C-alpha cells in the first residue's frame, strides 16, 4: 500500500510540474467522472462487442479535460487492467483494452471501435 501511495504521489508531482495544482486536480476529478460515465454507459447498454468503444470513449473524454484528465484516465485504465490480469482475465483481451484506452487518450475518434447497431444514446 505504501508503494502504491508513493507511486500515485510521484505521478501527481510529475504530472503537475507545468501548471497549477488546482486546475490539475479539477481536470483529474472531471476525467474520473468521464471514466465512470463511460463505465456506467457500458453496463447500461449491455451491448455485445462494445467494450473497446467504451474504453476509448472514456479515455478520450477524460483526456479532453487536459493533463489532469489524461493522467486520471491512464491511472484508472492501468489499474483496471492490472486487476483483471490478477483475476485471471485473458492477456490478449487486456492488450486490446489498453490499445483502445491509448487510442482514446491520444485524441483519436473513439467511434473507430463503435459496434454497428449500438444505440445513438451512447
PDB file of N, CA and C in Angstrom:
ATOM      1  N   UNK A   1       0.823  -1.196   0.000  1.00  0.00           N
ATOM      2  CA  UNK A   1       0.000   0.000   0.000  1.00  0.00           C
ATOM      3  C   UNK A   1       0.866   1.259   0.000  1.00  0.00           C
ATOM      4  N   UNK A   2       1.955   1.220   0.753  1.00  0.00           N
ATOM      5  CA  UNK A   2       2.846   2.386   0.783  1.00  0.00           C
ATOM      6  C   UNK A   2       3.467   2.617  -0.591  1.00  0.00           C
ATOM      7  N   UNK A   3       3.814   1.524  -1.268  1.00  0.00           N
ATOM      8  CA  UNK A   3       4.392   1.644  -2.596  1.00  0.00           C
ATOM      9  C   UNK A   3       3.381   2.277  -3.554  1.00  0.00           C
ATOM     10  N   UNK A   4       2.142   1.809  -3.515  1.00  0.00           N
ATOM     11  CA  UNK A   4       1.092   2.357  -4.384  1.00  0.00           C
ATOM     12  C   UNK A   4       0.886   3.838  -4.112  1.00  0.00           C
ATOM     13  N   UNK A   5       0.795   4.213  -2.852  1.00  0.00           N
ATOM     14  CA  UNK A   5       0.612   5.614  -2.480  1.00  0.00           C
ATOM     15  C   UNK A   5       1.787   6.454  -2.975  1.00  0.00           C
ATOM     16  N   UNK A   6       2.996   5.933  -2.832  1.00  0.00           N
ATOM     17  CA  UNK A   6       4.179   6.644  -3.303  1.00  0.00           C
ATOM     18  C   UNK A   6       4.176   6.830  -4.814  1.00  0.00           C
ATOM     19  N   UNK A   7       3.760   5.791  -5.543  1.00  0.00           N
ATOM     20  CA  UNK A   7       3.696   5.883  -6.997  1.00  0.00           C
ATOM     21  C   UNK A   7       2.664   6.905  -7.448  1.00  0.00           C
ATOM     22  N   UNK A   8       1.501   6.895  -6.807  1.00  0.00           N
ATOM     23  CA  UNK A   8       0.464   7.867  -7.154  1.00  0.00           C
ATOM     24  C   UNK A   8       0.958   9.279  -6.867  1.00  0.00           C
ATOM     25  N   UNK A   9       1.581   9.464  -5.715  1.00  0.00           N
ATOM     26  CA  UNK A   9       2.083  10.785  -5.346  1.00  0.00           C
ATOM     27  C   UNK A   9       3.145  11.264  -6.339  1.00  0.00           C
ATOM     28  N   UNK A  10       4.081  10.396  -6.689  1.00  0.00           N
ATOM     29  CA  UNK A  10       5.125  10.780  -7.652  1.00  0.00           C
ATOM     30  C   UNK A  10       4.526  11.098  -9.016  1.00  0.00           C
ATOM     31  N   UNK A  11       3.552  10.307  -9.430  1.00  0.00           N
ATOM     32  CA  UNK A  11       2.889  10.573 -10.706  1.00  0.00           C
ATOM     33  C   UNK A  11       2.217  11.933 -10.683  1.00  0.00           C
ATOM     34  N   UNK A  12       1.588  12.250  -9.576  1.00  0.00           N
ATOM     35  CA  UNK A  12       0.923  13.546  -9.436  1.00  0.00           C
ATOM     36  C   UNK A  12       1.939  14.674  -9.539  1.00  0.00           C
ATOM     37  N   UNK A  13       3.046  14.543  -8.827  1.00  0.00           N
ATOM     38  CA  UNK A  13       4.081  15.588  -8.833  1.00  0.00           C
ATOM     39  C   UNK A  13       4.611  15.787 -10.250  1.00  0.00           C
ATOM     40  N   UNK A  14       4.928  14.702 -10.935  1.00  0.00           N
ATOM     41  CA  UNK A  14       5.484  14.809 -12.285  1.00  0.00           C
ATOM     42  C   UNK A  14       4.463  15.378 -13.263  1.00  0.00           C
ATOM     43  N   UNK A  15       3.197  15.026 -13.067  1.00  0.00           N
ATOM     44  CA  UNK A  15       2.165  15.496 -13.981  1.00  0.00           C
ATOM     45  C   UNK A  15       1.777  16.947 -13.774  1.00  0.00           C
ATOM     46  N   UNK A  16       2.102  17.515 -12.633  1.00  0.00           N
ATOM     47  CA  UNK A  16       1.666  18.865 -12.305  1.00  0.00           C
ATOM     48  C   UNK A  16       2.769  19.898 -12.464  1.00  0.00           C
ATOM     49  N   UNK A  17       3.937  19.491 -12.859  1.00  0.00           N
ATOM     50  CA  UNK A  17       5.073  20.394 -12.850  1.00  0.00           C
ATOM     51  C   UNK A  17       4.871  21.672 -13.664  1.00  0.00           C
ATOM     52  N   UNK A  18       4.086  21.635 -14.734  1.00  0.00           N
ATOM     53  CA  UNK A  18       3.977  22.808 -15.599  1.00  0.00           C
ATOM     54  C   UNK A  18       2.688  23.598 -15.421  1.00  0.00           C
ATOM     55  N   UNK A  19       1.875  23.255 -14.466  1.00  0.00           N
ATOM     56  CA  UNK A  19       0.627  24.001 -14.273  1.00  0.00           C
ATOM     57  C   UNK A  19       0.223  23.978 -12.807  1.00  0.00           C
ATOM     58  N   UNK A  20      -0.812  24.708 -12.481  1.00  0.00           N
ATOM     59  CA  UNK A  20      -1.255  24.803 -11.095  1.00  0.00           C
ATOM     60  C   UNK A  20      -1.907  23.528 -10.598  1.00  0.00           C
ATOM     61  N   UNK A  21      -1.757  23.309  -9.303  1.00  0.00           N
ATOM     62  CA  UNK A  21      -2.340  22.125  -8.659  1.00  0.00           C
ATOM     63  C   UNK A  21      -3.845  22.102  -8.799  1.00  0.00           C
ATOM     64  N   UNK A  22      -4.493  23.240  -8.592  1.00  0.00           N
ATOM     65  CA  UNK A  22      -5.948  23.239  -8.578  1.00  0.00           C
ATOM     66  C   UNK A  22      -6.543  22.875  -9.923  1.00  0.00           C
ATOM     67  N   UNK A  23      -5.970  23.379 -11.005  1.00  0.00           N
ATOM     68  CA  UNK A  23      -6.515  23.031 -12.320  1.00  0.00           C
ATOM     69  C   UNK A  23      -6.253  21.558 -12.629  1.00  0.00           C
ATOM     70  N   UNK A  24      -5.080  21.064 -12.259  1.00  0.00           N
ATOM     71  CA  UNK A  24      -4.760  19.660 -12.496  1.00  0.00           C
ATOM     72  C   UNK A  24      -5.722  18.749 -11.735  1.00  0.00           C
ATOM     73  N   UNK A  25      -5.942  19.056 -10.470  1.00  0.00           N
ATOM     74  CA  UNK A  25      -6.832  18.229  -9.643  1.00  0.00           C
ATOM     75  C   UNK A  25      -8.264  18.316 -10.157  1.00  0.00           C
ATOM     76  N   UNK A  26      -8.698  19.496 -10.581  1.00  0.00           N
ATOM     77  CA  UNK A  26     -10.036  19.645 -11.150  1.00  0.00           C
ATOM     78  C   UNK A  26     -10.196  18.833 -12.425  1.00  0.00           C
ATOM     79  N   UNK A  27      -9.181  18.885 -13.279  1.00  0.00           N
ATOM     80  CA  UNK A  27      -9.221  18.094 -14.514  1.00  0.00           C
ATOM     81  C   UNK A  27      -9.251  16.599 -14.201  1.00  0.00           C
ATOM     82  N   UNK A  28      -8.465  16.199 -13.211  1.00  0.00           N
ATOM     83  CA  UNK A  28      -8.433  14.785 -12.822  1.00  0.00           C
ATOM     84  C   UNK A  28      -9.799  14.336 -12.299  1.00  0.00           C
ATOM     85  N   UNK A  29     -10.448  15.183 -11.508  1.00  0.00           N
ATOM     86  CA  UNK A  29     -11.778  14.841 -10.989  1.00  0.00           C
ATOM     87  C   UNK A  29     -12.791  14.736 -12.129  1.00  0.00           C
ATOM     88  N   UNK A  30     -12.743  15.684 -13.056  1.00  0.00           N
ATOM     89  CA  UNK A  30     -13.659  15.633 -14.199  1.00  0.00           C
ATOM     90  C   UNK A  30     -13.363  14.420 -15.076  1.00  0.00           C
ATOM     91  N   UNK A  31     -12.091  14.104 -15.270  1.00  0.00           N
ATOM     92  CA  UNK A  31     -11.713  12.929 -16.040  1.00  0.00           C
ATOM     93  C   UNK A  31     -12.180  11.641 -15.388  1.00  0.00           C
ATOM     94  N   UNK A  32     -12.113  11.604 -14.055  1.00  0.00           N
ATOM     95  CA  UNK A  32     -12.611  10.437 -13.324  1.00  0.00           C
ATOM     96  C   UNK A  32     -14.105  10.277 -13.550  1.00  0.00           C
ATOM     97  N   UNK A  33     -14.837  11.375 -13.538  1.00  0.00           N
ATOM     98  CA  UNK A  33     -16.285  11.309 -13.824  1.00  0.00           C
ATOM     99  C   UNK A  33     -16.542  10.832 -15.252  1.00  0.00           C
ATOM    100  N   UNK A  34     -15.733  11.280 -16.196  1.00  0.00           N
ATOM    101  CA  UNK A  34     -15.879  10.822 -17.579  1.00  0.00           C
ATOM    102  C   UNK A  34     -15.667   9.309 -17.676  1.00  0.00           C
ATOM    103  N   UNK A  35     -14.662   8.818 -16.980  1.00  0.00           N
ATOM    104  CA  UNK A  35     -14.398   7.373 -16.992  1.00  0.00           C
ATOM    105  C   UNK A  35     -15.561   6.612 -16.362  1.00  0.00           C
ATOM    106  N   UNK A  36     -16.087   7.137 -15.256  1.00  0.00           N
ATOM    107  CA  UNK A  36     -17.220   6.485 -14.587  1.00  0.00           C
ATOM    108  C   UNK A  36     -18.457   6.492 -15.496  1.00  0.00           C
ATOM    109  N   UNK A  37     -18.681   7.601 -16.185  1.00  0.00           N
ATOM    110  CA  UNK A  37     -19.835   7.689 -17.084  1.00  0.00           C
ATOM    111  C   UNK A  37     -19.726   6.655 -18.211  1.00  0.00           C
ATOM    112  N   UNK A  38     -18.546   6.501 -18.781  1.00  0.00           N
ATOM    113  CA  UNK A  38     -18.348   5.511 -19.847  1.00  0.00           C
ATOM    114  C   UNK A  38     -18.576   4.099 -19.315  1.00  0.00           C
ATOM    115  N   UNK A  39     -18.097   3.827 -18.095  1.00  0.00           N
ATOM    116  CA  UNK A  39     -18.299   2.515 -17.481  1.00  0.00           C
ATOM    117  C   UNK A  39     -19.787   2.264 -17.229  1.00  0.00           C
ATOM    118  N   UNK A  40     -20.465   3.269 -16.693  1.00  0.00           N
ATOM    119  CA  UNK A  40     -21.908   3.133 -16.420  1.00  0.00           C
ATOM    120  C   UNK A  40     -22.691   2.923 -17.709  1.00  0.00           C
ATOM    121  N   UNK A  41     -22.329   3.678 -18.742  1.00  0.00           N
ATOM    122  CA  UNK A  41     -22.997   3.519 -20.036  1.00  0.00           C
ATOM    123  C   UNK A  41     -22.762   2.125 -20.607  1.00  0.00           C
ATOM    124  N   UNK A  42     -21.551   1.607 -20.441  1.00  0.00           N
ATOM    125  CA  UNK A  42     -21.240   0.269 -20.941  1.00  0.00           C
ATOM    126  C   UNK A  42     -22.112  -0.771 -20.246  1.00  0.00           C
ATOM    127  N   UNK A  43     -22.242  -0.636 -18.932  1.00  0.00           N
ATOM    128  CA  UNK A  43     -23.070  -1.588 -18.174  1.00  0.00           C
ATOM    129  C   UNK A  43     -24.542  -1.453 -18.558  1.00  0.00           C
ATOM    130  N   UNK A  44     -24.998  -0.216 -18.726  1.00  0.00           N
ATOM    131  CA  UNK A  44     -26.394   0.023 -19.089  1.00  0.00           C
ATOM    132  C   UNK A  44     -26.692  -0.500 -20.499  1.00  0.00           C
ATOM    133  N   UNK A  45     -25.786  -0.234 -21.439  1.00  0.00           N
ATOM    134  CA  UNK A  45     -26.005  -0.652 -22.827  1.00  0.00           C
ATOM    135  C   UNK A  45     -25.998  -2.177 -22.933  1.00  0.00           C
ATOM    136  N   UNK A  46     -25.096  -2.811 -22.195  1.00  0.00           N
ATOM    137  CA  UNK A  46     -25.006  -4.269 -22.215  1.00  0.00           C
ATOM    138  C   UNK A  46     -25.048  -4.786 -23.657  1.00  0.00           C
ATOM    139  N   UNK A  47     -24.226  -4.174 -24.502  1.00  0.00           N
ATOM    140  CA  UNK A  47     -24.259  -4.439 -25.935  1.00  0.00           C
ATOM    141  C   UNK A  47     -23.024  -5.235 -26.346  1.00  0.00           C
ATOM    142  N   UNK A  48     -23.245  -6.301 -27.080  1.00  0.00           N
ATOM    143  CA  UNK A  48     -22.164  -7.192 -27.483  1.00  0.00           C
ATOM    144  C   UNK A  48     -21.092  -6.442 -28.293  1.00  0.00           C
ATOM    145  N   UNK A  49     -19.843  -6.713 -27.961  1.00  0.00           N
ATOM    146  CA  UNK A  49     -18.667  -6.158 -28.651  1.00  0.00           C
ATOM    147  C   UNK A  49     -18.537  -4.635 -28.540  1.00  0.00           C
ATOM    148  N   UNK A  50     -19.083  -4.050 -27.481  1.00  0.00           N
ATOM    149  CA  UNK A  50     -18.980  -2.598 -27.309  1.00  0.00           C
ATOM    150  C   UNK A  50     -17.903  -2.198 -26.298  1.00  0.00           C
ATOM    151  N   UNK A  51     -17.271  -3.160 -25.672  1.00  0.00           N
ATOM    152  CA  UNK A  51     -16.291  -2.911 -24.614  1.00  0.00           C
ATOM    153  C   UNK A  51     -15.193  -1.938 -25.062  1.00  0.00           C
ATOM    154  N   UNK A  52     -14.594  -2.188 -26.197  1.00  0.00           N
ATOM    155  CA  UNK A  52     -13.483  -1.346 -26.662  1.00  0.00           C
ATOM    156  C   UNK A  52     -13.943   0.082 -26.954  1.00  0.00           C
ATOM    157  N   UNK A  53     -15.159   0.213 -27.483  1.00  0.00           N
ATOM    158  CA  UNK A  53     -15.699   1.553 -27.740  1.00  0.00           C
ATOM    159  C   UNK A  53     -15.789   2.351 -26.443  1.00  0.00           C
ATOM    160  N   UNK A  54     -16.320   1.750 -25.392  1.00  0.00           N
ATOM    161  CA  UNK A  54     -16.479   2.472 -24.127  1.00  0.00           C
ATOM    162  C   UNK A  54     -15.123   2.751 -23.468  1.00  0.00           C
ATOM    163  N   UNK A  55     -14.149   1.851 -23.654  1.00  0.00           N
ATOM    164  CA  UNK A  55     -12.791   2.122 -23.172  1.00  0.00           C
ATOM    165  C   UNK A  55     -12.240   3.367 -23.870  1.00  0.00           C
ATOM    166  N   UNK A  56     -12.337   3.374 -25.199  1.00  0.00           N
ATOM    167  CA  UNK A  56     -11.802   4.504 -25.969  1.00  0.00           C
ATOM    168  C   UNK A  56     -12.550   5.787 -25.640  1.00  0.00           C
ATOM    169  N   UNK A  57     -13.873   5.706 -25.520  1.00  0.00           N
ATOM    170  CA  UNK A  57     -14.661   6.914 -25.257  1.00  0.00           C
ATOM    171  C   UNK A  57     -14.359   7.511 -23.887  1.00  0.00           C
ATOM    172  N   UNK A  58     -14.270   6.674 -22.867  1.00  0.00           N
ATOM    173  CA  UNK A  58     -13.957   7.178 -21.528  1.00  0.00           C
ATOM    174  C   UNK A  58     -12.605   7.854 -21.479  1.00  0.00           C
ATOM    175  N   UNK A  59     -11.602   7.229 -22.097  1.00  0.00           N
ATOM    176  CA  UNK A  59     -10.262   7.811 -22.130  1.00  0.00           C
ATOM    177  C   UNK A  59     -10.225   9.081 -22.966  1.00  0.00           C
ATOM    178  N   UNK A  60     -10.943   9.092 -24.086  1.00  0.00           N
ATOM    179  CA  UNK A  60     -10.996  10.276 -24.939  1.00  0.00           C
ATOM    180  C   UNK A  60     -11.609  11.456 -24.174  1.00  0.00           C
ATOM    181  N   UNK A  61     -12.782  11.223 -23.584  1.00  0.00           N
ATOM    182  CA  UNK A  61     -13.472  12.294 -22.858  1.00  0.00           C
ATOM    183  C   UNK A  61     -12.613  12.827 -21.718  1.00  0.00           C
ATOM    184  N   UNK A  62     -11.984  11.920 -20.977  1.00  0.00           N
ATOM    185  CA  UNK A  62     -11.151  12.341 -19.847  1.00  0.00           C
ATOM    186  C   UNK A  62      -9.947  13.144 -20.324  1.00  0.00           C
ATOM    187  N   UNK A  63      -9.293  12.682 -21.368  1.00  0.00           N
ATOM    188  CA  UNK A  63      -8.097  13.367 -21.870  1.00  0.00           C
ATOM    189  C   UNK A  63      -8.424  14.749 -22.423  1.00  0.00           C
ATOM    190  N   UNK A  64      -9.645  14.942 -22.913  1.00  0.00           N
ATOM    191  CA  UNK A  64     -10.044  16.253 -23.426  1.00  0.00           C
ATOM    192  C   UNK A  64     -10.107  17.300 -22.314  1.00  0.00           C
ATOM    193  N   UNK A  65     -10.142  16.875 -21.068  1.00  0.00           N
ATOM    194  CA  UNK A  65     -10.169  17.801 -19.931  1.00  0.00           C
ATOM    195  C   UNK A  65      -8.828  18.487 -19.727  1.00  0.00           C
ATOM    196  N   UNK A  66      -7.757  17.860 -20.203  1.00  0.00           N
ATOM    197  CA  UNK A  66      -6.422  18.406 -20.014  1.00  0.00           C
ATOM    198  C   UNK A  66      -5.502  17.368 -19.397  1.00  0.00           C
ATOM    199  N   UNK A  67      -4.297  17.782 -19.002  1.00  0.00           N
ATOM    200  CA  UNK A  67      -3.319  16.835 -18.452  1.00  0.00           C
ATOM    201  C   UNK A  67      -3.827  16.072 -17.223  1.00  0.00           C
ATOM    202  N   UNK A  68      -4.607  16.721 -16.372  1.00  0.00           N
ATOM    203  CA  UNK A  68      -5.143  16.033 -15.199  1.00  0.00           C
ATOM    204  C   UNK A  68      -6.120  14.935 -15.591  1.00  0.00           C
ATOM    205  N   UNK A  69      -6.948  15.201 -16.578  1.00  0.00           N
ATOM    206  CA  UNK A  69      -7.894  14.192 -17.059  1.00  0.00           C
ATOM    207  C   UNK A  69      -7.185  13.033 -17.723  1.00  0.00           C
ATOM    208  N   UNK A  70      -6.159  13.334 -18.521  1.00  0.00           N
ATOM    209  CA  UNK A  70      -5.387  12.269 -19.176  1.00  0.00           C
ATOM    210  C   UNK A  70      -4.678  11.412 -18.129  1.00  0.00           C
ATOM    211  N   UNK A  71      -4.140  12.072 -17.100  1.00  0.00           N
ATOM    212  CA  UNK A  71      -3.481  11.339 -16.017  1.00  0.00           C
ATOM    213  C   UNK A  71      -4.470  10.416 -15.313  1.00  0.00           C
ATOM    214  N   UNK A  72      -5.660  10.920 -14.980  1.00  0.00           N
ATOM    215  CA  UNK A  72      -6.663  10.102 -14.306  1.00  0.00           C
ATOM    216  C   UNK A  72      -7.074   8.925 -15.178  1.00  0.00           C
ATOM    217  N   UNK A  73      -7.256   9.162 -16.472  1.00  0.00           N
ATOM    218  CA  UNK A  73      -7.647   8.086 -17.387  1.00  0.00           C
ATOM    219  C   UNK A  73      -6.583   6.997 -17.424  1.00  0.00           C
ATOM    220  N   UNK A  74      -5.320   7.394 -17.470  1.00  0.00           N
ATOM    221  CA  UNK A  74      -4.239   6.398 -17.507  1.00  0.00           C
ATOM    222  C   UNK A  74      -4.182   5.600 -16.221  1.00  0.00           C
ATOM    223  N   UNK A  75      -4.255   6.282 -15.089  1.00  0.00           N
ATOM    224  CA  UNK A  75      -4.192   5.591 -13.794  1.00  0.00           C
ATOM    225  C   UNK A  75      -5.369   4.614 -13.657  1.00  0.00           C
ATOM    226  N   UNK A  76      -6.570   5.070 -13.984  1.00  0.00           N
ATOM    227  CA  UNK A  76      -7.754   4.221 -13.865  1.00  0.00           C
ATOM    228  C   UNK A  76      -7.675   3.043 -14.826  1.00  0.00           C
ATOM    229  N   UNK A  77      -7.296   3.308 -16.074  1.00  0.00           N
ATOM    230  CA  UNK A  77      -7.203   2.234 -17.073  1.00  0.00           C
ATOM    231  C   UNK A  77      -6.149   1.204 -16.687  1.00  0.00           C
ATOM    232  N   UNK A  78      -4.983   1.667 -16.267  1.00  0.00           N
ATOM    233  CA  UNK A  78      -3.920   0.745 -15.881  1.00  0.00           C
ATOM    234  C   UNK A  78      -4.312  -0.081 -14.655  1.00  0.00           C
ATOM    235  N   UNK A  79      -4.964   0.561 -13.699  1.00  0.00           N
ATOM    236  CA  UNK A  79      -5.400  -0.166 -12.501  1.00  0.00           C
ATOM    237  C   UNK A  79      -6.440  -1.226 -12.862  1.00  0.00           C
ATOM    238  N   UNK A  80      -7.379  -0.861 -13.707  1.00  0.00           N
ATOM    239  CA  UNK A  80      -8.428  -1.803 -14.107  1.00  0.00           C
ATOM    240  C   UNK A  80      -7.824  -3.007 -14.821  1.00  0.00           C
ATOM    241  N   UNK A  81      -6.922  -2.752 -15.741  1.00  0.00           N
ATOM    242  CA  UNK A  81      -6.312  -3.859 -16.481  1.00  0.00           C
ATOM    243  C   UNK A  81      -5.421  -4.699 -15.565  1.00  0.00           C
ATOM    244  N   UNK A  82      -4.736  -4.059 -14.632  1.00  0.00           N
ATOM    245  CA  UNK A  82      -3.919  -4.803 -13.669  1.00  0.00           C
ATOM    246  C   UNK A  82      -4.759  -5.728 -12.811  1.00  0.00           C
ATOM    247  N   UNK A  83      -5.891  -5.239 -12.360  1.00  0.00           N
ATOM    248  CA  UNK A  83      -6.797  -6.065 -11.554  1.00  0.00           C
ATOM    249  C   UNK A  83      -7.329  -7.224 -12.387  1.00  0.00           C
ATOM    250  N   UNK A  84      -7.682  -6.961 -13.632  1.00  0.00           N
ATOM    251  CA  UNK A  84      -8.191  -8.039 -14.482  1.00  0.00           C
ATOM    252  C   UNK A  84      -7.131  -9.112 -14.703  1.00  0.00           C
ATOM    253  N   UNK A  85      -5.876  -8.714 -14.871  1.00  0.00           N
ATOM    254  CA  UNK A  85      -4.813  -9.700 -15.041  1.00  0.00           C
ATOM    255  C   UNK A  85      -4.665 -10.549 -13.787  1.00  0.00           C
ATOM    256  N   UNK A  86      -4.783  -9.919 -12.614  1.00  0.00           N
ATOM    257  CA  UNK A  86      -4.669 -10.663 -11.359  1.00  0.00           C
ATOM    258  C   UNK A  86      -5.814 -11.654 -11.167  1.00  0.00           C
ATOM    259  N   UNK A  87      -6.983 -11.306 -11.682  1.00  0.00           N
ATOM    260  CA  UNK A  87      -8.146 -12.184 -11.503  1.00  0.00           C
ATOM    261  C   UNK A  87      -8.250 -13.235 -12.604  1.00  0.00           C
ATOM    262  N   UNK A  88      -7.271 -13.265 -13.511  1.00  0.00           N
ATOM    263  CA  UNK A  88      -7.223 -14.327 -14.493  1.00  0.00           C
ATOM    264  C   UNK A  88      -7.894 -14.044 -15.820  1.00  0.00           C
ATOM    265  N   UNK A  89      -8.248 -12.814 -16.088  1.00  0.00           N
ATOM    266  CA  UNK A  89      -8.799 -12.483 -17.407  1.00  0.00           C
ATOM    267  C   UNK A  89      -7.677 -12.557 -18.442  1.00  0.00           C
ATOM    268  N   UNK A  90      -8.045 -12.772 -19.673  1.00  0.00           N
ATOM    269  CA  UNK A  90      -7.070 -13.011 -20.724  1.00  0.00           C
ATOM    270  C   UNK A  90      -6.136 -11.855 -20.985  1.00  0.00           C
ATOM    271  N   UNK A  91      -4.872 -12.184 -21.201  1.00  0.00           N
ATOM    272  CA  UNK A  91      -3.863 -11.169 -21.502  1.00  0.00           C
ATOM    273  C   UNK A  91      -4.138 -10.530 -22.855  1.00  0.00           C
ATOM    274  N   UNK A  92      -4.637 -11.314 -23.799  1.00  0.00           N
ATOM    275  CA  UNK A  92      -4.930 -10.774 -25.130  1.00  0.00           C
ATOM    276  C   UNK A  92      -6.032  -9.719 -25.057  1.00  0.00           C
ATOM    277  N   UNK A  93      -7.080  -9.993 -24.288  1.00  0.00           N
ATOM    278  CA  UNK A  93      -8.167  -9.027 -24.128  1.00  0.00           C
ATOM    279  C   UNK A  93      -7.668  -7.774 -23.416  1.00  0.00           C
ATOM    280  N   UNK A  94      -6.787  -7.954 -22.443  1.00  0.00           N
ATOM    281  CA  UNK A  94      -6.231  -6.815 -21.720  1.00  0.00           C
ATOM    282  C   UNK A  94      -5.403  -5.932 -22.654  1.00  0.00           C
ATOM    283  N   UNK A  95      -4.624  -6.552 -23.540  1.00  0.00           N
ATOM    284  CA  UNK A  95      -3.841  -5.776 -24.511  1.00  0.00           C
ATOM    285  C   UNK A  95      -4.760  -4.997 -25.449  1.00  0.00           C
ATOM    286  N   UNK A  96      -5.859  -5.636 -25.877  1.00  0.00           N
ATOM    287  CA  UNK A  96      -6.810  -4.958 -26.769  1.00  0.00           C
ATOM    288  C   UNK A  96      -7.487  -3.803 -26.046  1.00  0.00           C
ATOM    289  N   UNK A  97      -7.813  -3.996 -24.760  1.00  0.00           N
ATOM    290  CA  UNK A  97      -8.402  -2.912 -23.967  1.00  0.00           C
ATOM    291  C   UNK A  97      -7.423  -1.753 -23.853  1.00  0.00           C
ATOM    292  N   UNK A  98      -6.156  -2.054 -23.578  1.00  0.00           N
ATOM    293  CA  UNK A  98      -5.159  -0.999 -23.433  1.00  0.00           C
ATOM    294  C   UNK A  98      -4.941  -0.259 -24.755  1.00  0.00           C
ATOM    295  N   UNK A  99      -5.030  -0.979 -25.866  1.00  0.00           N
ATOM    296  CA  UNK A  99      -4.918  -0.325 -27.171  1.00  0.00           C
ATOM    297  C   UNK A  99      -6.040   0.690 -27.341  1.00  0.00           C
ATOM    298  N   UNK A 100      -7.272   0.280 -26.982  1.00  0.00           N
ATOM    299  CA  UNK A 100      -8.423   1.187 -27.079  1.00  0.00           C
ATOM    300  C   UNK A 100      -8.265   2.360 -26.108  1.00  0.00           C
ATOM    301  N   UNK A 101      -7.750   2.089 -24.908  1.00  0.00           N
ATOM    302  CA  UNK A 101      -7.519   3.157 -23.927  1.00  0.00           C
ATOM    303  C   UNK A 101      -6.550   4.204 -24.492  1.00  0.00           C
ATOM    304  N   UNK A 102      -5.427   3.736 -25.024  1.00  0.00           N
ATOM    305  CA  UNK A 102      -4.421   4.652 -25.564  1.00  0.00           C
ATOM    306  C   UNK A 102      -4.947   5.391 -26.794  1.00  0.00           C
ATOM    307  N   UNK A 103      -5.746   4.704 -27.600  1.00  0.00           N
ATOM    308  CA  UNK A 103      -6.359   5.323 -28.784  1.00  0.00           C
ATOM    309  C   UNK A 103      -7.168   6.544 -28.338  1.00  0.00           C
ATOM    310  N   UNK A 104      -8.042   6.350 -27.359  1.00  0.00           N
ATOM    311  CA  UNK A 104      -8.875   7.444 -26.880  1.00  0.00           C
ATOM    312  C   UNK A 104      -8.077   8.553 -26.235  1.00  0.00           C
ATOM    313  N   UNK A 105      -7.106   8.191 -25.394  1.00  0.00           N
ATOM    314  CA  UNK A 105      -6.292   9.210 -24.706  1.00  0.00           C
ATOM    315  C   UNK A 105      -5.494  10.045 -25.683  1.00  0.00           C
ATOM    316  N   UNK A 106      -5.135   9.476 -26.828  1.00  0.00           N
ATOM    317  CA  UNK A 106      -4.324  10.209 -27.804  1.00  0.00           C
ATOM    318  C   UNK A 106      -5.163  11.183 -28.632  1.00  0.00           C
ATOM    319  N   UNK A 107      -6.481  11.195 -28.424  1.00  0.00           N
ATOM    320  CA  UNK A 107      -7.343  12.135 -29.132  1.00  0.00           C
ATOM    321  C   UNK A 107      -7.961  11.582 -30.399  1.00  0.00           C
ATOM    322  N   UNK A 108      -7.718  10.307 -30.677  1.00  0.00           N
ATOM    323  CA  UNK A 108      -8.316   9.687 -31.857  1.00  0.00           C
ATOM    324  C   UNK A 108      -9.793   9.392 -31.590  1.00  0.00           C
ATOM    325  N   UNK A 109     -10.568   9.340 -32.655  1.00  0.00           N
ATOM    326  CA  UNK A 109     -12.015   9.172 -32.572  1.00  0.00           C
ATOM    327  C   UNK A 109     -12.397   7.811 -31.977  1.00  0.00           C
ATOM    328  N   UNK A 110     -13.091   7.800 -30.834  1.00  0.00           N
ATOM    329  CA  UNK A 110     -13.497   6.527 -30.232  1.00  0.00           C
ATOM    330  C   UNK A 110     -14.510   5.755 -31.080  1.00  0.00           C
ATOM    331  N   UNK A 111     -15.168   6.437 -32.013  1.00  0.00           N
ATOM    332  CA  UNK A 111     -16.150   5.749 -32.856  1.00  0.00           C
ATOM    333  C   UNK A 111     -15.505   4.702 -33.757  1.00  0.00           C
ATOM    334  N   UNK A 112     -14.193   4.714 -33.854  1.00  0.00           N
ATOM    335  CA  UNK A 112     -13.470   3.672 -34.587  1.00  0.00           C
ATOM    336  C   UNK A 112     -13.828   2.289 -34.026  1.00  0.00           C
ATOM    337  N   UNK A 113     -14.109   2.222 -32.725  1.00  0.00           N
ATOM    338  CA  UNK A 113     -14.422   0.962 -32.052  1.00  0.00           C
ATOM    339  C   UNK A 113     -15.924   0.739 -31.873  1.00  0.00           C
ATOM    340  N   UNK A 114     -16.741   1.657 -32.332  1.00  0.00           N
ATOM    341  CA  UNK A 114     -18.192   1.594 -32.117  1.00  0.00           C
ATOM    342  C   UNK A 114     -18.786   0.424 -32.902  1.00  0.00           C
ATOM    343  N   UNK A 115     -19.476  -0.481 -32.212  1.00  0.00           N
ATOM    344  CA  UNK A 115     -20.083  -1.605 -32.933  1.00  0.00           C
ATOM    345  C   UNK A 115     -21.345  -1.164 -33.672  1.00  0.00           C
ATOM    346  N   UNK A 116     -21.604  -1.790 -34.791  1.00  0.00           N
ATOM    347  CA  UNK A 116     -22.822  -1.494 -35.577  1.00  0.00           C
ATOM    348  C   UNK A 116     -24.041  -1.784 -34.716  1.00  0.00           C
ATOM    349  N   UNK A 117     -24.989  -0.882 -34.757  1.00  0.00           N
ATOM    350  CA  UNK A 117     -26.246  -1.096 -34.046  1.00  0.00           C
ATOM    351  C   UNK A 117     -26.289  -0.584 -32.620  1.00  0.00           C
ATOM    352  N   UNK A 118     -25.160  -0.095 -32.089  1.00  0.00           N
ATOM    353  CA  UNK A 118     -25.163   0.464 -30.733  1.00  0.00           C
ATOM    354  C   UNK A 118     -26.064   1.693 -30.748  1.00  0.00           C
ATOM    355  N   UNK A 119     -27.030   1.776 -29.832  1.00  0.00           N
ATOM    356  CA  UNK A 119     -27.950   2.914 -29.832  1.00  0.00           C
ATOM    357  C   UNK A 119     -27.209   4.258 -29.808  1.00  0.00           C
ATOM    358  N   UNK A 120     -27.762   5.228 -30.503  1.00  0.00           N
ATOM    359  CA  UNK A 120     -27.126   6.540 -30.645  1.00  0.00           C
ATOM    360  C   UNK A 120     -27.010   7.273 -29.315  1.00  0.00           C
ATOM    361  N   UNK A 121     -27.753   6.837 -28.318  1.00  0.00           N
ATOM    362  CA  UNK A 121     -27.673   7.423 -26.975  1.00  0.00           C
ATOM    363  C   UNK A 121     -26.241   7.373 -26.455  1.00  0.00           C
ATOM    364  N   UNK A 122     -25.484   6.382 -26.900  1.00  0.00           N
ATOM    365  CA  UNK A 122     -24.112   6.174 -26.416  1.00  0.00           C
ATOM    366  C   UNK A 122     -23.114   6.691 -27.433  1.00  0.00           C
TER     367      UNK A 122
END
